Amino acid sequence: MSEFLHMGGYALYVWSSYGIAFLIMLFGIFKPLILHKQQLRELKLKRQREKR
């Protein structure tokens, strides 16, 4: 197991690459969700203003 984690001396490069790829995937999932919630909130406020 130790040799697998060490990856023949390339562990820093390999694991940092995995970490960066994971963060990019998380960003790709959560950013659109956050933007969608923002747009819904803005539309709700706009409708409330138009009703007045």
PDB file of N, CA and C in Angstrom:
ATOM      1  N   MET A   1       0.833  -1.192   0.000  1.00  0.00           N
ATOM      2  CA  MET A   1       0.000   0.000   0.000  1.00  0.00           C
ATOM      3  C   MET A   1       0.883   1.264   0.000  1.00  0.00           C
ATOM      4  N   SER A   2       1.940   1.205   0.757  1.00  0.00           N
ATOM      5  CA  SER A   2       2.845   2.355   0.829  1.00  0.00           C
ATOM      6  C   SER A   2       3.432   2.681  -0.544  1.00  0.00           C
ATOM      7  N   GLU A   3       3.819   1.638  -1.268  1.00  0.00           N
ATOM      8  CA  GLU A   3       4.381   1.839  -2.606  1.00  0.00           C
ATOM      9  C   GLU A   3       3.338   2.429  -3.559  1.00  0.00           C
ATOM     10  N   PHE A   4       2.098   1.996  -3.412  1.00  0.00           N
ATOM     11  CA  PHE A   4       1.018   2.536  -4.243  1.00  0.00           C
ATOM     12  C   PHE A   4       0.841   4.029  -3.968  1.00  0.00           C
ATOM     13  N   LEU A   5       0.822   4.421  -2.703  1.00  0.00           N
ATOM     14  CA  LEU A   5       0.655   5.835  -2.357  1.00  0.00           C
ATOM     15  C   LEU A   5       1.871   6.664  -2.766  1.00  0.00           C
ATOM     16  N   HIS A   6       3.038   6.068  -2.748  1.00  0.00           N
ATOM     17  CA  HIS A   6       4.262   6.778  -3.129  1.00  0.00           C
ATOM     18  C   HIS A   6       4.363   6.935  -4.645  1.00  0.00           C
ATOM     19  N   MET A   7       3.814   5.992  -5.395  1.00  0.00           N
ATOM     20  CA  MET A   7       3.727   6.008  -6.861  1.00  0.00           C
ATOM     21  C   MET A   7       5.082   6.216  -7.535  1.00  0.00           C
ATOM     22  N   GLY A   8       6.073   5.538  -7.046  1.00  0.00           N
ATOM     23  CA  GLY A   8       7.391   5.565  -7.700  1.00  0.00           C
ATOM     24  C   GLY A   8       8.038   6.943  -7.711  1.00  0.00           C
ATOM     25  N   GLY A   9       7.745   7.761  -6.731  1.00  0.00           N
ATOM     26  CA  GLY A   9       8.355   9.091  -6.649  1.00  0.00           C
ATOM     27  C   GLY A   9       7.527  10.196  -7.294  1.00  0.00           C
ATOM     28  N   TYR A  10       6.421   9.835  -7.901  1.00  0.00           N
ATOM     29  CA  TYR A  10       5.577  10.822  -8.571  1.00  0.00           C
ATOM     30  C   TYR A  10       4.299  11.135  -7.783  1.00  0.00           C
ATOM     31  N   ALA A  11       4.254  10.774  -6.529  1.00  0.00           N
ATOM     32  CA  ALA A  11       3.040  10.899  -5.731  1.00  0.00           C
ATOM     33  C   ALA A  11       2.546  12.349  -5.660  1.00  0.00           C
ATOM     34  N   LEU A  12       3.437  13.283  -5.454  1.00  0.00           N
ATOM     35  CA  LEU A  12       3.013  14.683  -5.335  1.00  0.00           C
ATOM     36  C   LEU A  12       2.301  15.140  -6.610  1.00  0.00           C
ATOM     37  N   TYR A  13       2.868  14.829  -7.755  1.00  0.00           N
ATOM     38  CA  TYR A  13       2.274  15.212  -9.032  1.00  0.00           C
ATOM     39  C   TYR A  13       0.942  14.498  -9.252  1.00  0.00           C
ATOM     40  N   VAL A  14       0.919  13.193  -8.987  1.00  0.00           N
ATOM     41  CA  VAL A  14      -0.280  12.398  -9.243  1.00  0.00           C
ATOM     42  C   VAL A  14      -1.423  12.814  -8.320  1.00  0.00           C
ATOM     43  N   TRP A  15      -1.155  12.866  -7.019  1.00  0.00           N
ATOM     44  CA  TRP A  15      -2.236  13.179  -6.075  1.00  0.00           C
ATOM     45  C   TRP A  15      -2.703  14.626  -6.196  1.00  0.00           C
ATOM     46  N   SER A  16      -1.801  15.541  -6.502  1.00  0.00           N
ATOM     47  CA  SER A  16      -2.246  16.919  -6.703  1.00  0.00           C
ATOM     48  C   SER A  16      -3.096  17.031  -7.972  1.00  0.00           C
ATOM     49  N   SER A  17      -2.756  16.251  -8.989  1.00  0.00           N
ATOM     50  CA  SER A  17      -3.568  16.246 -10.213  1.00  0.00           C
ATOM     51  C   SER A  17      -4.966  15.716  -9.935  1.00  0.00           C
ATOM     52  N   TYR A  18      -5.037  14.629  -9.161  1.00  0.00           N
ATOM     53  CA  TYR A  18      -6.345  14.099  -8.770  1.00  0.00           C
ATOM     54  C   TYR A  18      -7.138  15.123  -7.965  1.00  0.00           C
ATOM     55  N   GLY A  19      -6.469  15.809  -7.045  1.00  0.00           N
ATOM     56  CA  GLY A  19      -7.146  16.810  -6.216  1.00  0.00           C
ATOM     57  C   GLY A  19      -7.680  17.972  -7.041  1.00  0.00           C
ATOM     58  N   ILE A  20      -6.875  18.462  -7.960  1.00  0.00           N
ATOM     59  CA  ILE A  20      -7.299  19.577  -8.809  1.00  0.00           C
ATOM     60  C   ILE A  20      -8.467  19.160  -9.694  1.00  0.00           C
ATOM     61  N   ALA A  21      -8.382  17.949 -10.268  1.00  0.00           N
ATOM     62  CA  ALA A  21      -9.469  17.453 -11.116  1.00  0.00           C
ATOM     63  C   ALA A  21     -10.755  17.311 -10.313  1.00  0.00           C
ATOM     64  N   PHE A  22     -10.654  16.828  -9.085  1.00  0.00           N
ATOM     65  CA  PHE A  22     -11.818  16.681  -8.213  1.00  0.00           C
ATOM     66  C   PHE A  22     -12.445  18.040  -7.906  1.00  0.00           C
ATOM     67  N   LEU A  23     -11.619  19.036  -7.609  1.00  0.00           N
ATOM     68  CA  LEU A  23     -12.134  20.378  -7.321  1.00  0.00           C
ATOM     69  C   LEU A  23     -12.828  20.983  -8.548  1.00  0.00           C
ATOM     70  N   ILE A  24     -12.262  20.772  -9.717  1.00  0.00           N
ATOM     71  CA  ILE A  24     -12.874  21.284 -10.942  1.00  0.00           C
ATOM     72  C   ILE A  24     -14.226  20.628 -11.175  1.00  0.00           C
ATOM     73  N   MET A  25     -14.323  19.317 -10.911  1.00  0.00           N
ATOM     74  CA  MET A  25     -15.606  18.631 -11.079  1.00  0.00           C
ATOM     75  C   MET A  25     -16.642  19.145 -10.082  1.00  0.00           C
ATOM     76  N   LEU A  26     -16.214  19.376  -8.846  1.00  0.00           N
ATOM     77  CA  LEU A  26     -17.140  19.936  -7.853  1.00  0.00           C
ATOM     78  C   LEU A  26     -17.620  21.316  -8.283  1.00  0.00           C
ATOM     79  N   PHE A  27     -16.711  22.131  -8.780  1.00  0.00           N
ATOM     80  CA  PHE A  27     -17.061  23.463  -9.260  1.00  0.00           C
ATOM     81  C   PHE A  27     -18.070  23.362 -10.398  1.00  0.00           C
ATOM     82  N   GLY A  28     -17.854  22.408 -11.295  1.00  0.00           N
ATOM     83  CA  GLY A  28     -18.745  22.216 -12.431  1.00  0.00           C
ATOM     84  C   GLY A  28     -20.133  21.757 -12.029  1.00  0.00           C
ATOM     85  N   ILE A  29     -20.247  21.140 -10.872  1.00  0.00           N
ATOM     86  CA  ILE A  29     -21.552  20.696 -10.377  1.00  0.00           C
ATOM     87  C   ILE A  29     -22.246  21.805  -9.609  1.00  0.00           C
ATOM     88  N   PHE A  30     -21.528  22.452  -8.696  1.00  0.00           N
ATOM     89  CA  PHE A  30     -22.169  23.380  -7.776  1.00  0.00           C
ATOM     90  C   PHE A  30     -22.356  24.791  -8.317  1.00  0.00           C
ATOM     91  N   LYS A  31     -21.496  25.246  -9.187  1.00  0.00           N
ATOM     92  CA  LYS A  31     -21.616  26.609  -9.726  1.00  0.00           C
ATOM     93  C   LYS A  31     -22.934  26.818 -10.470  1.00  0.00           C
ATOM     94  N   PRO A  32     -23.341  25.909 -11.376  1.00  0.00           N
ATOM     95  CA  PRO A  32     -24.628  26.088 -12.045  1.00  0.00           C
ATOM     96  C   PRO A  32     -25.814  26.062 -11.067  1.00  0.00           C
ATOM     97  N   LEU A  33     -25.718  25.249 -10.025  1.00  0.00           N
ATOM     98  CA  LEU A  33     -26.792  25.198  -9.028  1.00  0.00           C
ATOM     99  C   LEU A  33     -26.918  26.535  -8.289  1.00  0.00           C
ATOM    100  N   ILE A  34     -25.780  27.106  -7.950  1.00  0.00           N
ATOM    101  CA  ILE A  34     -25.778  28.400  -7.258  1.00  0.00           C
ATOM    102  C   ILE A  34     -26.334  29.485  -8.171  1.00  0.00           C
ATOM    103  N   LEU A  35     -25.915  29.489  -9.439  1.00  0.00           N
ATOM    104  CA  LEU A  35     -26.419  30.481 -10.392  1.00  0.00           C
ATOM    105  C   LEU A  35     -27.922  30.334 -10.603  1.00  0.00           C
ATOM    106  N   HIS A  36     -28.404  29.099 -10.647  1.00  0.00           N
ATOM    107  CA  HIS A  36     -29.837  28.847 -10.823  1.00  0.00           C
ATOM    108  C   HIS A  36     -30.631  29.410  -9.643  1.00  0.00           C
ATOM    109  N   LYS A  37     -30.152  29.182  -8.438  1.00  0.00           N
ATOM    110  CA  LYS A  37     -30.831  29.721  -7.249  1.00  0.00           C
ATOM    111  C   LYS A  37     -30.841  31.252  -7.275  1.00  0.00           C
ATOM    112  N   GLN A  38     -29.735  31.846  -7.691  1.00  0.00           N
ATOM    113  CA  GLN A  38     -29.655  33.311  -7.787  1.00  0.00           C
ATOM    114  C   GLN A  38     -30.677  33.844  -8.784  1.00  0.00           C
ATOM    115  N   GLN A  39     -30.772  33.197  -9.937  1.00  0.00           N
ATOM    116  CA  GLN A  39     -31.707  33.647 -10.961  1.00  0.00           C
ATOM    117  C   GLN A  39     -33.145  33.512 -10.485  1.00  0.00           C
ATOM    118  N   LEU A  40     -33.462  32.434  -9.799  1.00  0.00           N
ATOM    119  CA  LEU A  40     -34.817  32.265  -9.265  1.00  0.00           C
ATOM    120  C   LEU A  40     -35.136  33.353  -8.246  1.00  0.00           C
ATOM    121  N   ARG A  41     -34.166  33.668  -7.388  1.00  0.00           N
ATOM    122  CA  ARG A  41     -34.354  34.722  -6.394  1.00  0.00           C
ATOM    123  C   ARG A  41     -34.593  36.074  -7.071  1.00  0.00           C
ATOM    124  N   GLU A  42     -33.804  36.371  -8.114  1.00  0.00           N
ATOM    125  CA  GLU A  42     -33.954  37.631  -8.832  1.00  0.00           C
ATOM    126  C   GLU A  42     -35.305  37.712  -9.541  1.00  0.00           C
ATOM    127  N   LEU A  43     -35.748  36.613 -10.144  1.00  0.00           N
ATOM    128  CA  LEU A  43     -37.057  36.607 -10.800  1.00  0.00           C
ATOM    129  C   LEU A  43     -38.185  36.805  -9.794  1.00  0.00           C
ATOM    130  N   LYS A  44     -38.043  36.189  -8.630  1.00  0.00           N
ATOM    131  CA  LYS A  44     -39.053  36.346  -7.586  1.00  0.00           C
ATOM    132  C   LYS A  44     -39.142  37.804  -7.135  1.00  0.00           C
ATOM    133  N   LEU A  45     -37.986  38.437  -6.937  1.00  0.00           N
ATOM    134  CA  LEU A  45     -37.968  39.848  -6.536  1.00  0.00           C
ATOM    135  C   LEU A  45     -38.555  40.739  -7.638  1.00  0.00           C
ATOM    136  N   LYS A  46     -38.232  40.423  -8.881  1.00  0.00           N
ATOM    137  CA  LYS A  46     -38.738  41.205 -10.008  1.00  0.00           C
ATOM    138  C   LYS A  46     -40.260  41.102 -10.082  1.00  0.00           C
ATOM    139  N   ARG A  47     -40.793  39.891  -9.890  1.00  0.00           N
ATOM    140  CA  ARG A  47     -42.263  39.714  -9.899  1.00  0.00           C
ATOM    141  C   ARG A  47     -42.919  40.474  -8.770  1.00  0.00           C
ATOM    142  N   GLN A  48     -42.296  40.472  -7.600  1.00  0.00           N
ATOM    143  CA  GLN A  48     -42.843  41.202  -6.446  1.00  0.00           C
ATOM    144  C   GLN A  48     -42.876  42.691  -6.740  1.00  0.00           C
ATOM    145  N   ARG A  49     -41.814  43.215  -7.369  1.00  0.00           N
ATOM    146  CA  ARG A  49     -41.785  44.647  -7.700  1.00  0.00           C
ATOM    147  C   ARG A  49     -42.853  44.996  -8.748  1.00  0.00           C
ATOM    148  N   GLU A  50     -43.076  44.106  -9.698  1.00  0.00           N
ATOM    149  CA  GLU A  50     -44.046  44.381 -10.754  1.00  0.00           C
ATOM    150  C   GLU A  50     -45.483  44.320 -10.219  1.00  0.00           C
ATOM    151  N   LYS A  51     -45.735  43.562  -9.174  1.00  0.00           N
ATOM    152  CA  LYS A  51     -47.071  43.469  -8.606  1.00  0.00           C
ATOM    153  C   LYS A  51     -47.468  44.757  -7.894  1.00  0.00           C
ATOM    154  N   ARG A  52     -46.500  45.511  -7.440  1.00  0.00           N
ATOM    155  CA  ARG A  52     -46.771  46.749  -6.676  1.00  0.00           C
ATOM    156  C   ARG A  52     -47.205  47.852  -7.563  1.00  0.00           C
TER     157      ARG A  52
END
